[in-house]
PDB file of N, CA and C in Angstrom:
ATOM      1  N   UNK A   1      39.868-112.098-197.085  1.00  0.00           N
ATOM      2  CA  UNK A   1      40.405-110.983-196.962  1.00  0.00           C
ATOM      3  C   UNK A   1      39.571-109.828-196.371  1.00  0.00           C
ATOM      4  N   UNK A   2      40.065-108.908-195.466  1.00  0.00           N
ATOM      5  CA  UNK A   2      39.071-107.879-194.997  1.00  0.00           C
ATOM      6  C   UNK A   2      39.276-106.612-195.506  1.00  0.00           C
ATOM      7  N   UNK A   3      37.970-106.361-196.675  1.00  0.00           N
ATOM      8  CA  UNK A   3      38.119-105.010-197.224  1.00  0.00           C
ATOM      9  C   UNK A   3      37.213-104.021-196.462  1.00  0.00           C
ATOM     10  N   UNK A   4      38.030-102.783-196.234  1.00  0.00           N
ATOM     11  CA  UNK A   4      37.266-101.788-195.590  1.00  0.00           C
ATOM     12  C   UNK A   4      37.082-100.717-196.610  1.00  0.00           C
ATOM     13  N   UNK A   5      35.881-100.195-196.473  1.00  0.00           N
ATOM     14  CA  UNK A   5      35.673 -99.175-197.665  1.00  0.00           C
ATOM     15  C   UNK A   5      35.479 -97.751-196.675  1.00  0.00           C
ATOM     16  N   UNK A   6      36.346 -96.913-197.048  1.00  0.00           N
ATOM     17  CA  UNK A   6      36.231 -95.671-196.290  1.00  0.00           C
ATOM     18  C   UNK A   6      35.948 -94.355-197.023  1.00  0.00           C
ATOM     19  N   UNK A   7      34.575 -94.080-196.603  1.00  0.00           N
ATOM     20  CA  UNK A   7      33.969 -93.043-197.337  1.00  0.00           C
ATOM     21  C   UNK A   7      33.552 -91.754-196.406  1.00  0.00           C
ATOM     22  N   UNK A   8      34.315 -90.818-196.594  1.00  0.00           N
ATOM     23  CA  UNK A   8      33.902 -89.656-195.722  1.00  0.00           C
ATOM     24  C   UNK A   8      34.197 -89.588-194.145  1.00  0.00           C
ATOM     25  N   UNK A   9      35.242 -90.441-193.868  1.00  0.00           N
ATOM     26  CA  UNK A   9      35.503 -90.911-192.521  1.00  0.00           C
ATOM     27  C   UNK A   9      34.572 -91.626-191.852  1.00  0.00           C
ATOM     28  N   UNK A  10      33.716 -92.491-192.889  1.00  0.00           N
ATOM     29  CA  UNK A  10      33.152 -93.666-192.585  1.00  0.00           C
ATOM     30  C   UNK A  10      33.639 -94.871-192.829  1.00  0.00           C
ATOM     31  N   UNK A  11      33.890 -95.877-191.735  1.00  0.00           N
ATOM     32  CA  UNK A  11      34.441 -97.309-192.296  1.00  0.00           C
ATOM     33  C   UNK A  11      33.370 -98.315-192.086  1.00  0.00           C
ATOM     34  N   UNK A  12      33.336 -98.827-193.131  1.00  0.00           N
ATOM     35  CA  UNK A  12      32.088 -99.933-193.128  1.00  0.00           C
ATOM     36  C   UNK A  12      32.764-101.300-193.249  1.00  0.00           C
ATOM     37  N   UNK A  13      32.478-102.162-192.303  1.00  0.00           N
ATOM     38  CA  UNK A  13      33.261-103.772-192.345  1.00  0.00           C
ATOM     39  C   UNK A  13      32.042-104.625-192.946  1.00  0.00           C
ATOM     40  N   UNK A  14      32.442-105.197-194.281  1.00  0.00           N
ATOM     41  CA  UNK A  14      31.386-106.086-194.995  1.00  0.00           C
ATOM     42  C   UNK A  14      31.547-107.328-194.332  1.00  0.00           C
ATOM     43  N   UNK A  15      31.907-107.569-193.394  1.00  0.00           N
ATOM     44  CA  UNK A  15      31.930-108.917-192.356  1.00  0.00           C
ATOM     45  C   UNK A  15      30.833-108.818-191.383  1.00  0.00           C
ATOM     46  N   UNK A  16      31.089-107.170-190.541  1.00  0.00           N
ATOM     47  CA  UNK A  16      30.169-107.225-189.280  1.00  0.00           C
ATOM     48  C   UNK A  16      28.938-106.406-189.951  1.00  0.00           C
ATOM     49  N   UNK A  17      29.250-105.835-191.153  1.00  0.00           N
ATOM     50  CA  UNK A  17      27.989-105.100-191.770  1.00  0.00           C
ATOM     51  C   UNK A  17      27.457-103.893-190.762  1.00  0.00           C
ATOM     52  N   UNK A  18      28.697-103.494-190.096  1.00  0.00           N
ATOM     53  CA  UNK A  18      28.309-102.221-189.149  1.00  0.00           C
ATOM     54  C   UNK A  18      29.137-101.271-189.390  1.00  0.00           C
ATOM     55  N   UNK A  19      28.638-100.080-189.521  1.00  0.00           N
ATOM     56  CA  UNK A  19      29.547 -98.625-190.164  1.00  0.00           C
ATOM     57  C   UNK A  19      30.203 -98.167-188.667  1.00  0.00           C
ATOM     58  N   UNK A  20      31.490 -97.816-188.911  1.00  0.00           N
ATOM     59  CA  UNK A  20      32.025 -97.054-187.937  1.00  0.00           C
ATOM     60  C   UNK A  20      32.885 -95.846-187.899  1.00  0.00           C
ATOM     61  N   UNK A  21      32.428 -95.102-187.071  1.00  0.00           N
ATOM     62  CA  UNK A  21      32.976 -93.732-187.274  1.00  0.00           C
ATOM     63  C   UNK A  21      34.376 -93.619-186.952  1.00  0.00           C
ATOM     64  N   UNK A  22      35.303 -93.115-187.825  1.00  0.00           N
ATOM     65  CA  UNK A  22      36.669 -93.206-187.368  1.00  0.00           C
ATOM     66  C   UNK A  22      36.879 -91.443-187.326  1.00  0.00           C
ATOM     67  N   UNK A  23      37.872 -91.335-186.190  1.00  0.00           N
ATOM     68  CA  UNK A  23      38.223 -89.702-186.186  1.00  0.00           C
ATOM     69  C   UNK A  23      39.356 -89.414-186.864  1.00  0.00           C
ATOM     70  N   UNK A  24      40.217 -90.679-187.023  1.00  0.00           N
ATOM     71  CA  UNK A  24      41.467 -90.269-187.702  1.00  0.00           C
ATOM     72  C   UNK A  24      41.804 -91.400-188.783  1.00  0.00           C
ATOM     73  N   UNK A  25      42.587 -90.530-189.704  1.00  0.00           N
ATOM     74  CA  UNK A  25      42.854 -91.928-190.821  1.00  0.00           C
ATOM     75  C   UNK A  25      44.429 -92.308-190.845  1.00  0.00           C
ATOM     76  N   UNK A  26      44.568 -93.737-190.238  1.00  0.00           N
ATOM     77  CA  UNK A  26      45.865 -94.048-190.354  1.00  0.00           C
ATOM     78  C   UNK A  26      46.760 -94.112-191.679  1.00  0.00           C
TER      79      UNK A  26
END
């Protein structure tokens, strides 16, 4: 299961361990 933690517009992928900045919330 792919779990994404969204904190203040910041999406952290536990698999890639890479922080991704999102401009919009789906």
